[in-house]
């Protein structure tokens, strides 16, 4: 059965998140708060989050989000006081969502998976003090000199690098990507951390 795209404008995305039956450990959430002023370093650290999904979170405080597992993704962006939500994945009914008529994924070839490296190399536990990071349960600290903040990813302590795996829906006639969604995270552990 082909995947579908559903959309809705909601006052609160939390009920949509809770309506989906998320797999426990293999579901992730990338959350972003959009700054409306110059932000300090501590505010910057709190403004982005990539971690395992907690469906009981109050999602209204996150203006942008991508929640995903291997079978679907729910994303949103807040505009004019409403959350513009898009679901892409296995066919289902979601309260207040409707099909996106302009894009039919049933014509797409089987889902193509591509991997993209996320920024940074993992910082060893011994070097956390040097970079000014506190350990947090469920995440590892990564450092990329081109990014002005420490990065935290929900991976094991064996991970040296992290890849974002995406699903891409390809039009067989043109070869163009019709749509894409996040699928999972993949760890790469080949060397010692920094």
Protein backbone atom coordinates (compact mmCIF):
# COMPACT_ATOMS: atom_id res chain seq x y z
CA UNK A 1 0.00 0.00 0.00
CA UNK A 2 1.33 3.44 -0.93
CA UNK A 3 2.16 6.06 1.66
CA UNK A 4 -0.03 9.16 1.89
CA UNK A 5 0.33 12.83 2.73
CA UNK A 6 -2.18 14.36 5.14
CA UNK A 7 -2.29 17.95 6.36
CA UNK A 8 -4.07 20.11 8.93
CA UNK A 9 -3.98 23.52 10.58
CA UNK A 10 -4.21 23.00 14.34
CA UNK A 11 -4.22 25.09 17.51
CA UNK A 12 -2.09 22.42 19.19
CA UNK A 13 -0.15 19.55 17.54
CA UNK A 14 -0.07 17.47 20.74
CA UNK A 15 -3.32 15.50 20.08
CA UNK A 16 -2.03 14.55 16.60
CA UNK A 17 1.21 13.27 18.14
CA UNK A 18 -0.70 11.25 20.71
CA UNK A 19 -3.08 9.79 18.08
CA UNK A 20 -0.19 7.93 16.44
CA UNK A 21 1.11 4.66 17.89
CA UNK A 22 4.83 5.42 18.05
CA UNK A 23 7.38 2.59 18.39
CA UNK A 24 9.19 3.08 21.72
CA UNK A 25 12.94 3.41 21.23
CA UNK A 26 13.08 3.98 17.47
CA UNK A 27 11.00 7.17 17.37
CA UNK A 28 12.69 10.54 17.38
CA UNK A 29 11.78 14.19 17.65
CA UNK A 30 13.63 17.18 16.29
CA UNK A 31 12.20 20.28 17.95
CA UNK A 32 12.99 23.94 17.31
CA UNK A 33 11.99 27.16 19.00
CA UNK A 34 12.19 30.11 16.64
CA UNK A 35 13.98 33.04 18.33
CA UNK A 36 12.34 36.45 18.05
CA UNK A 37 15.39 38.26 19.45
CA UNK A 38 19.12 37.77 19.86
CA UNK A 39 19.59 34.67 22.00
CA UNK A 40 22.22 33.90 24.62
CA UNK A 41 24.23 30.66 24.58
CA UNK A 42 22.01 28.94 27.21
CA UNK A 43 18.87 29.93 25.27
CA UNK A 44 20.46 28.62 22.08
CA UNK A 45 21.09 25.26 23.74
CA UNK A 46 17.43 25.01 24.79
CA UNK A 47 16.08 26.14 21.40
CA UNK A 48 16.95 22.96 19.49
CA UNK A 49 16.48 19.37 20.51
CA UNK A 50 16.98 16.01 18.81
CA UNK A 51 16.08 13.12 21.11
CA UNK A 52 13.91 10.06 21.54
CA UNK A 53 10.23 10.84 21.26
CA UNK A 54 8.28 11.72 24.39
CA UNK A 55 4.61 11.78 23.25
CA UNK A 56 3.53 13.36 26.54
CA UNK A 57 5.49 16.56 25.94
CA UNK A 58 3.63 19.86 25.52
CA UNK A 59 4.43 20.43 21.84
CA UNK A 60 2.83 23.90 21.67
CA UNK A 61 6.09 25.54 22.76
CA UNK A 62 7.98 24.23 19.70
CA UNK A 63 7.34 26.28 16.56
CA UNK A 64 8.98 23.76 14.22
CA UNK A 65 9.20 20.01 14.57
CA UNK A 66 9.83 16.72 12.81
CA UNK A 67 8.73 13.62 14.72
CA UNK A 68 9.60 10.41 12.94
CA UNK A 69 9.98 6.65 12.96
CA UNK A 70 10.59 4.15 10.17
CA UNK A 71 6.94 4.18 9.04
CA UNK A 72 5.93 7.85 9.13
CA UNK A 73 6.79 11.44 9.94
CA UNK A 74 4.73 14.23 11.48
CA UNK A 75 6.11 17.72 10.94
CA UNK A 76 4.84 21.20 11.60
CA UNK A 77 5.64 24.88 11.50
CA UNK A 78 3.76 27.55 13.41
CA UNK A 79 2.47 30.42 11.27
CA UNK A 80 -0.03 33.13 12.19
CA UNK A 81 -0.81 31.44 15.51
CA UNK A 82 -1.63 28.02 14.00
CA UNK A 83 0.44 24.88 13.53
CA UNK A 84 0.58 23.84 9.87
CA UNK A 85 1.01 20.08 10.19
CA UNK A 86 1.93 17.49 7.58
CA UNK A 87 1.84 13.74 8.07
CA UNK A 88 3.53 11.44 5.54
CA UNK A 89 3.59 7.68 5.87
CA UNK A 90 1.38 4.63 6.00
CA UNK A 91 -2.28 5.31 5.27
CA UNK A 92 -4.39 6.13 8.34
CA UNK A 93 -7.05 8.45 9.67
CA UNK A 94 -5.93 11.35 11.85
CA UNK A 95 -8.46 13.69 13.53
CA UNK A 96 -8.75 17.05 11.71
CA UNK A 97 -6.34 15.96 8.91
CA UNK A 98 -7.25 15.65 5.25
CA UNK A 99 -5.46 14.25 2.21
CA UNK A 100 -3.17 16.56 0.27
CA UNK A 101 -4.86 16.40 -3.15
CA UNK A 102 -2.01 17.98 -5.11
CA UNK A 103 0.52 15.24 -4.35
CA UNK A 104 -0.25 11.56 -4.89
CA UNK A 105 2.47 9.25 -3.59
CA UNK A 106 0.80 6.18 -5.13
CA UNK A 107 2.61 6.96 -8.41
CA UNK A 108 5.99 6.98 -6.65
CA UNK A 109 8.50 4.17 -7.05
CA UNK A 110 9.37 2.19 -3.94
CA UNK A 111 10.82 4.41 -1.26
CA UNK A 112 14.47 5.19 -1.77
CA UNK A 113 16.55 5.57 1.40
CA UNK A 114 19.43 8.03 1.56
CA UNK A 115 21.75 8.85 4.45
CA UNK A 116 23.08 12.27 5.41
CA UNK A 117 25.77 12.82 8.02
CA UNK A 118 24.74 15.06 10.90
CA UNK A 119 27.22 17.68 12.11
CA UNK A 120 29.94 16.74 14.54
CA UNK A 121 32.10 14.04 16.04
CA UNK A 122 31.33 12.60 19.46
CA UNK A 123 33.16 14.09 22.42
CA UNK A 124 34.61 11.50 24.80
CA UNK A 125 33.33 11.48 28.39
CA UNK A 126 36.83 12.54 29.53
CA UNK A 127 36.68 15.66 27.31
CA UNK A 128 33.18 16.86 28.33
CA UNK A 129 34.66 19.29 30.90
CA UNK A 130 37.02 20.73 28.27
CA UNK A 131 34.14 21.66 25.97
CA UNK A 132 31.91 22.80 28.86
CA UNK A 133 29.25 20.11 28.52
CA UNK A 134 27.27 18.36 31.21
CA UNK A 135 26.33 14.74 30.57
CA UNK A 136 22.60 14.23 30.00
CA UNK A 137 20.90 10.84 30.09
CA UNK A 138 19.94 9.42 26.71
CA UNK A 139 22.18 11.68 24.60
CA UNK A 140 25.80 11.96 23.57
CA UNK A 141 27.62 15.25 22.94
CA UNK A 142 28.99 16.02 19.47
CA UNK A 143 31.23 18.90 18.43
CA UNK A 144 31.55 20.64 15.08
CA UNK A 145 33.73 23.75 14.96
CA UNK A 146 31.59 25.31 12.22
CA UNK A 147 28.49 25.16 14.45
CA UNK A 148 28.51 27.57 17.43
CA UNK A 149 26.94 25.15 19.91
CA UNK A 150 27.31 21.66 21.29
CA UNK A 151 25.12 19.10 19.57
CA UNK A 152 23.32 16.28 21.37
CA UNK A 153 22.07 13.17 19.59
CA UNK A 154 20.13 10.22 21.07
CA UNK A 155 22.70 7.54 20.24
CA UNK A 156 24.85 5.03 22.10
CA UNK A 157 28.22 5.90 23.60
CA UNK A 158 29.84 3.82 20.81
CA UNK A 159 28.74 6.24 18.09
CA UNK A 160 31.48 8.37 16.52
CA UNK A 161 29.30 9.88 13.77
CA UNK A 162 25.53 9.94 13.20
CA UNK A 163 23.57 9.76 9.95
CA UNK A 164 20.00 10.83 9.31
CA UNK A 165 18.26 8.25 7.13
CA UNK A 166 15.53 9.66 4.87
CA UNK A 167 12.88 8.12 2.64
CA UNK A 168 12.54 9.71 -0.76
CA UNK A 169 9.56 9.17 -3.03
CA UNK A 170 10.70 9.15 -6.67
CA UNK A 171 8.52 9.88 -9.72
CA UNK A 172 9.26 6.99 -12.12
CA UNK A 173 8.50 9.09 -15.21
CA UNK A 174 10.81 12.01 -14.44
CA UNK A 175 13.17 10.55 -11.84
CA UNK A 176 12.53 13.59 -9.64
CA UNK A 177 11.99 13.41 -5.91
CA UNK A 178 8.30 14.03 -5.19
CA UNK A 179 8.64 14.20 -1.42
CA UNK A 180 10.89 13.12 1.40
CA UNK A 181 10.60 12.33 5.08
CA UNK A 182 12.89 11.45 7.97
CA UNK A 183 13.14 7.71 8.64
CA UNK A 184 15.70 6.96 11.38
CA UNK A 185 19.14 7.66 12.80
CA UNK A 186 22.11 5.44 12.05
CA UNK A 187 25.28 5.26 14.14
CA UNK A 188 28.77 4.89 12.79
CA UNK A 189 31.40 3.73 15.27
CA UNK A 190 34.80 3.36 13.69
CA UNK A 191 37.24 5.35 15.87
CA UNK A 192 37.69 6.77 19.33
CA UNK A 193 35.69 9.95 20.10
CA UNK A 194 37.42 13.35 20.32
